Amino acid sequence: MPGGLSPRLARVVEALPFTPESRILEIGCGPGAAARAVAARLESGHILAIDRSAAAVAQAEASSAAEIASGRMSLRQVAAEDFAPEPGEALFDIAFAIRVGAFDGRHPAAGRRALRRVAAALAPGGRLFTDGGDPLKEIPVPHRR
């Protein structure tokens, strides 16, 4: 596929309910193919792609120079259960995680911690999606107190 986007990831990106102005968080970005596809559809919006793997983040950075230089995409090495926005960083409208153990049931304890972290990083009305639907399923986000 052009840009390294598989048909499955193309369906995921197409199904995400974002606008060209959205702030998006991708959890578990791997080599960054989905993040690049999202960035290509953004105008004033931004996608932050995170992964716990330094190798994955390095690979994504190497293949995403144009998107990063445009200001539409950035990367950070951090596990979902440790994620927190940087001081002054705007909250996110949409978060998504594809084949991430913390959100697909493989690692329930990490999933509970990750859900709290992601919920705190979402703007009011922000939404979280994961694979397991057709092609996505929405995960209910706990309300902040």
C-alpha atoms as a PDB file:
ATOM      1  CA  MET A   1       0.000   0.000   0.000  1.00  0.00           C
ATOM      2  CA  PRO A   2       1.242   3.544  -0.631  1.00  0.00           C
ATOM      3  CA  GLY A   3       2.734   5.116   2.476  1.00  0.00           C
ATOM      4  CA  GLY A   4       2.798   1.728   4.205  1.00  0.00           C
ATOM      5  CA  LEU A   5      -0.914   1.824   5.116  1.00  0.00           C
ATOM      6  CA  SER A   6      -2.561  -1.599   5.092  1.00  0.00           C
ATOM      7  CA  PRO A   7      -6.195  -1.949   4.013  1.00  0.00           C
ATOM      8  CA  ARG A   8      -7.116  -2.610   7.673  1.00  0.00           C
ATOM      9  CA  LEU A   9      -5.430   0.597   8.873  1.00  0.00           C
ATOM     10  CA  ALA A  10      -6.935   2.542   5.977  1.00  0.00           C
ATOM     11  CA  ARG A  11     -10.404   1.441   7.188  1.00  0.00           C
ATOM     12  CA  VAL A  12      -9.532   2.503  10.748  1.00  0.00           C
ATOM     13  CA  VAL A  13      -8.345   5.956   9.675  1.00  0.00           C
ATOM     14  CA  GLU A  14     -11.410   6.392   7.469  1.00  0.00           C
ATOM     15  CA  ALA A  15     -13.715   5.457  10.383  1.00  0.00           C
ATOM     16  CA  LEU A  16     -12.196   7.870  12.914  1.00  0.00           C
ATOM     17  CA  PRO A  17     -14.598  10.788  13.491  1.00  0.00           C
ATOM     18  CA  PHE A  18     -12.143  13.663  13.283  1.00  0.00           C
ATOM     19  CA  THR A  19     -12.084  16.980  11.467  1.00  0.00           C
ATOM     20  CA  PRO A  20      -9.132  18.773   9.841  1.00  0.00           C
ATOM     21  CA  GLU A  21      -8.887  20.829  13.070  1.00  0.00           C
ATOM     22  CA  SER A  22      -8.954  17.918  15.553  1.00  0.00           C
ATOM     23  CA  ARG A  23      -6.299  17.082  18.113  1.00  0.00           C
ATOM     24  CA  ILE A  24      -5.718  13.327  18.010  1.00  0.00           C
ATOM     25  CA  LEU A  25      -3.729  10.922  20.169  1.00  0.00           C
ATOM     26  CA  GLU A  26      -2.612   7.609  18.691  1.00  0.00           C
ATOM     27  CA  ILE A  27      -1.611   5.097  21.340  1.00  0.00           C
ATOM     28  CA  GLY A  28       0.810   2.404  20.180  1.00  0.00           C
ATOM     29  CA  CYS A  29       1.764   4.007  16.872  1.00  0.00           C
ATOM     30  CA  GLY A  30       4.376   1.435  15.834  1.00  0.00           C
ATOM     31  CA  PRO A  31       6.102   2.641  12.647  1.00  0.00           C
ATOM     32  CA  GLY A  32       3.615   5.515  12.299  1.00  0.00           C
ATOM     33  CA  ALA A  33       1.638   4.561   9.184  1.00  0.00           C
ATOM     34  CA  ALA A  34      -1.781   5.417  10.658  1.00  0.00           C
ATOM     35  CA  ALA A  35      -0.464   8.646  12.212  1.00  0.00           C
ATOM     36  CA  ARG A  36       0.902   9.761   8.835  1.00  0.00           C
ATOM     37  CA  ALA A  37      -2.437   8.990   7.172  1.00  0.00           C
ATOM     38  CA  VAL A  38      -4.270  11.034   9.823  1.00  0.00           C
ATOM     39  CA  ALA A  39      -1.753  13.898   9.546  1.00  0.00           C
ATOM     40  CA  ALA A  40      -2.354  14.028   5.785  1.00  0.00           C
ATOM     41  CA  ARG A  41      -6.026  14.876   6.509  1.00  0.00           C
ATOM     42  CA  LEU A  42      -5.294  17.601   9.065  1.00  0.00           C
ATOM     43  CA  GLU A  43      -5.101  21.328   8.417  1.00  0.00           C
ATOM     44  CA  SER A  44      -4.794  23.154  11.735  1.00  0.00           C
ATOM     45  CA  GLY A  45      -5.155  19.929  13.718  1.00  0.00           C
ATOM     46  CA  HIS A  46      -2.406  17.786  15.206  1.00  0.00           C
ATOM     47  CA  ILE A  47      -1.725  14.117  15.924  1.00  0.00           C
ATOM     48  CA  LEU A  48       0.534  13.005  18.742  1.00  0.00           C
ATOM     49  CA  ALA A  49       1.620   9.410  18.185  1.00  0.00           C
ATOM     50  CA  ILE A  50       2.996   7.547  21.196  1.00  0.00           C
ATOM     51  CA  ASP A  51       4.573   4.136  21.639  1.00  0.00           C
ATOM     52  CA  ARG A  52       6.365   2.442  24.521  1.00  0.00           C
ATOM     53  CA  SER A  53       9.057   1.173  22.123  1.00  0.00           C
ATOM     54  CA  ALA A  54      12.029   3.440  21.419  1.00  0.00           C
ATOM     55  CA  ALA A  55      12.663   1.489  18.197  1.00  0.00           C
ATOM     56  CA  ALA A  56       9.089   2.061  16.988  1.00  0.00           C
ATOM     57  CA  VAL A  57       9.266   5.783  17.749  1.00  0.00           C
ATOM     58  CA  ALA A  58      12.626   6.065  15.966  1.00  0.00           C
ATOM     59  CA  GLN A  59      11.199   4.248  12.928  1.00  0.00           C
ATOM     60  CA  ALA A  60       8.122   6.490  12.921  1.00  0.00           C
ATOM     61  CA  GLU A  61      10.284   9.625  13.211  1.00  0.00           C
ATOM     62  CA  ALA A  62      12.493   8.501  10.316  1.00  0.00           C
ATOM     63  CA  SER A  63       9.505   7.952   8.018  1.00  0.00           C
ATOM     64  CA  SER A  64       7.466  10.978   9.122  1.00  0.00           C
ATOM     65  CA  ALA A  65       9.856  13.899   8.600  1.00  0.00           C
ATOM     66  CA  ALA A  66       7.471  15.837   6.337  1.00  0.00           C
ATOM     67  CA  GLU A  67       4.501  15.451   8.693  1.00  0.00           C
ATOM     68  CA  ILE A  68       6.594  16.436  11.717  1.00  0.00           C
ATOM     69  CA  ALA A  69       8.090  19.439   9.890  1.00  0.00           C
ATOM     70  CA  SER A  70       4.569  20.578   8.921  1.00  0.00           C
ATOM     71  CA  GLY A  71       3.600  20.763  12.593  1.00  0.00           C
ATOM     72  CA  ARG A  72       0.699  18.349  12.073  1.00  0.00           C
ATOM     73  CA  MET A  73       2.411  15.395  13.783  1.00  0.00           C
ATOM     74  CA  SER A  74       4.673  14.729  16.746  1.00  0.00           C
ATOM     75  CA  LEU A  75       5.924  11.594  18.459  1.00  0.00           C
ATOM     76  CA  ARG A  76       6.709  10.648  22.025  1.00  0.00           C
ATOM     77  CA  GLN A  77       8.095   7.490  23.613  1.00  0.00           C
ATOM     78  CA  VAL A  78       5.814   6.629  26.526  1.00  0.00           C
ATOM     79  CA  ALA A  79       3.592   3.742  27.589  1.00  0.00           C
ATOM     80  CA  ALA A  80      -0.151   4.418  27.546  1.00  0.00           C
ATOM     81  CA  GLU A  81      -0.391   3.777  31.293  1.00  0.00           C
ATOM     82  CA  ASP A  82       2.288   6.442  31.916  1.00  0.00           C
ATOM     83  CA  PHE A  83       1.052   9.042  29.409  1.00  0.00           C
ATOM     84  CA  ALA A  84       0.288  12.582  30.489  1.00  0.00           C
ATOM     85  CA  PRO A  85       0.093  15.724  28.355  1.00  0.00           C
ATOM     86  CA  GLU A  86       3.104  18.018  28.616  1.00  0.00           C
ATOM     87  CA  PRO A  87       2.561  21.195  30.669  1.00  0.00           C
ATOM     88  CA  GLY A  88       0.516  23.604  28.555  1.00  0.00           C
ATOM     89  CA  GLU A  89      -0.273  20.964  25.922  1.00  0.00           C
ATOM     90  CA  ALA A  90      -3.870  21.140  24.669  1.00  0.00           C
ATOM     91  CA  LEU A  91      -6.171  18.213  25.366  1.00  0.00           C
ATOM     92  CA  PHE A  92      -7.203  15.748  22.659  1.00  0.00           C
ATOM     93  CA  ASP A  93     -10.532  15.368  20.845  1.00  0.00           C
ATOM     94  CA  ILE A  94      -9.970  11.762  19.765  1.00  0.00           C
ATOM     95  CA  ALA A  95      -7.687   8.967  20.958  1.00  0.00           C
ATOM     96  CA  PHE A  96      -7.263   5.613  19.266  1.00  0.00           C
ATOM     97  CA  ALA A  97      -5.324   2.414  19.950  1.00  0.00           C
ATOM     98  CA  ILE A  98      -4.978  -0.438  17.462  1.00  0.00           C
ATOM     99  CA  ARG A  99      -3.586  -3.779  18.661  1.00  0.00           C
ATOM    100  CA  VAL A 100      -2.602  -2.334  22.032  1.00  0.00           C
ATOM    101  CA  GLY A 101      -2.651  -4.877  24.870  1.00  0.00           C
ATOM    102  CA  ALA A 102      -3.785  -2.327  27.448  1.00  0.00           C
ATOM    103  CA  PHE A 103      -7.002  -1.734  25.482  1.00  0.00           C
ATOM    104  CA  ASP A 104      -7.776  -5.111  23.899  1.00  0.00           C
ATOM    105  CA  GLY A 105      -8.027  -7.088  27.127  1.00  0.00           C
ATOM    106  CA  ARG A 106      -4.590  -8.738  27.061  1.00  0.00           C
ATOM    107  CA  HIS A 107      -3.312  -6.589  29.952  1.00  0.00           C
ATOM    108  CA  PRO A 108      -6.299  -5.575  32.122  1.00  0.00           C
ATOM    109  CA  ALA A 109      -4.351  -3.885  34.952  1.00  0.00           C
ATOM    110  CA  ALA A 110      -2.378  -1.764  32.475  1.00  0.00           C
ATOM    111  CA  GLY A 111      -5.657  -1.098  30.680  1.00  0.00           C
ATOM    112  CA  ARG A 112      -7.270   0.381  33.786  1.00  0.00           C
ATOM    113  CA  ARG A 113      -4.273   2.676  34.356  1.00  0.00           C
ATOM    114  CA  ALA A 114      -4.101   3.593  30.657  1.00  0.00           C
ATOM    115  CA  LEU A 115      -7.821   4.405  30.530  1.00  0.00           C
ATOM    116  CA  ARG A 116      -7.447   6.826  33.462  1.00  0.00           C
ATOM    117  CA  ARG A 117      -4.435   8.488  31.786  1.00  0.00           C
ATOM    118  CA  VAL A 118      -6.143   8.798  28.411  1.00  0.00           C
ATOM    119  CA  ALA A 119      -9.376  10.073  29.972  1.00  0.00           C
ATOM    120  CA  ALA A 120      -7.378  12.832  31.693  1.00  0.00           C
ATOM    121  CA  ALA A 121      -5.798  13.795  28.347  1.00  0.00           C
ATOM    122  CA  LEU A 122      -9.126  14.072  26.486  1.00  0.00           C
ATOM    123  CA  ALA A 123     -11.007  17.337  26.139  1.00  0.00           C
ATOM    124  CA  PRO A 124     -14.619  17.397  27.380  1.00  0.00           C
ATOM    125  CA  GLY A 125     -16.567  15.227  24.940  1.00  0.00           C
ATOM    126  CA  GLY A 126     -13.353  13.512  23.800  1.00  0.00           C
ATOM    127  CA  ARG A 127     -13.690   9.949  22.542  1.00  0.00           C
ATOM    128  CA  LEU A 128     -11.524   6.812  22.648  1.00  0.00           C
ATOM    129  CA  PHE A 129     -11.556   4.122  19.966  1.00  0.00           C
ATOM    130  CA  THR A 130      -9.891   0.747  19.600  1.00  0.00           C
ATOM    131  CA  ASP A 131     -10.001  -2.124  17.145  1.00  0.00           C
ATOM    132  CA  GLY A 132     -12.453  -4.942  17.635  1.00  0.00           C
ATOM    133  CA  GLY A 133     -15.437  -3.342  15.949  1.00  0.00           C
ATOM    134  CA  ASP A 134     -16.180  -2.917  12.274  1.00  0.00           C
ATOM    135  CA  PRO A 135     -13.508  -1.545  12.101  1.00  0.00           C
ATOM    136  CA  LEU A 136     -13.600   0.414  15.388  1.00  0.00           C
ATOM    137  CA  LYS A 137     -15.238   0.141  18.757  1.00  0.00           C
ATOM    138  CA  GLU A 138     -15.651   3.063  21.134  1.00  0.00           C
ATOM    139  CA  ILE A 139     -14.466   2.632  24.698  1.00  0.00           C
ATOM    140  CA  PRO A 140     -16.514   4.564  27.252  1.00  0.00           C
ATOM    141  CA  VAL A 141     -14.341   7.209  28.895  1.00  0.00           C
ATOM    142  CA  PRO A 142     -14.851   7.868  32.607  1.00  0.00           C
ATOM    143  CA  HIS A 143     -15.886  11.386  33.450  1.00  0.00           C
ATOM    144  CA  ARG A 144     -13.285  13.544  35.109  1.00  0.00           C
ATOM    145  CA  ARG A 145     -14.012  14.715  38.609  1.00  0.00           C
END
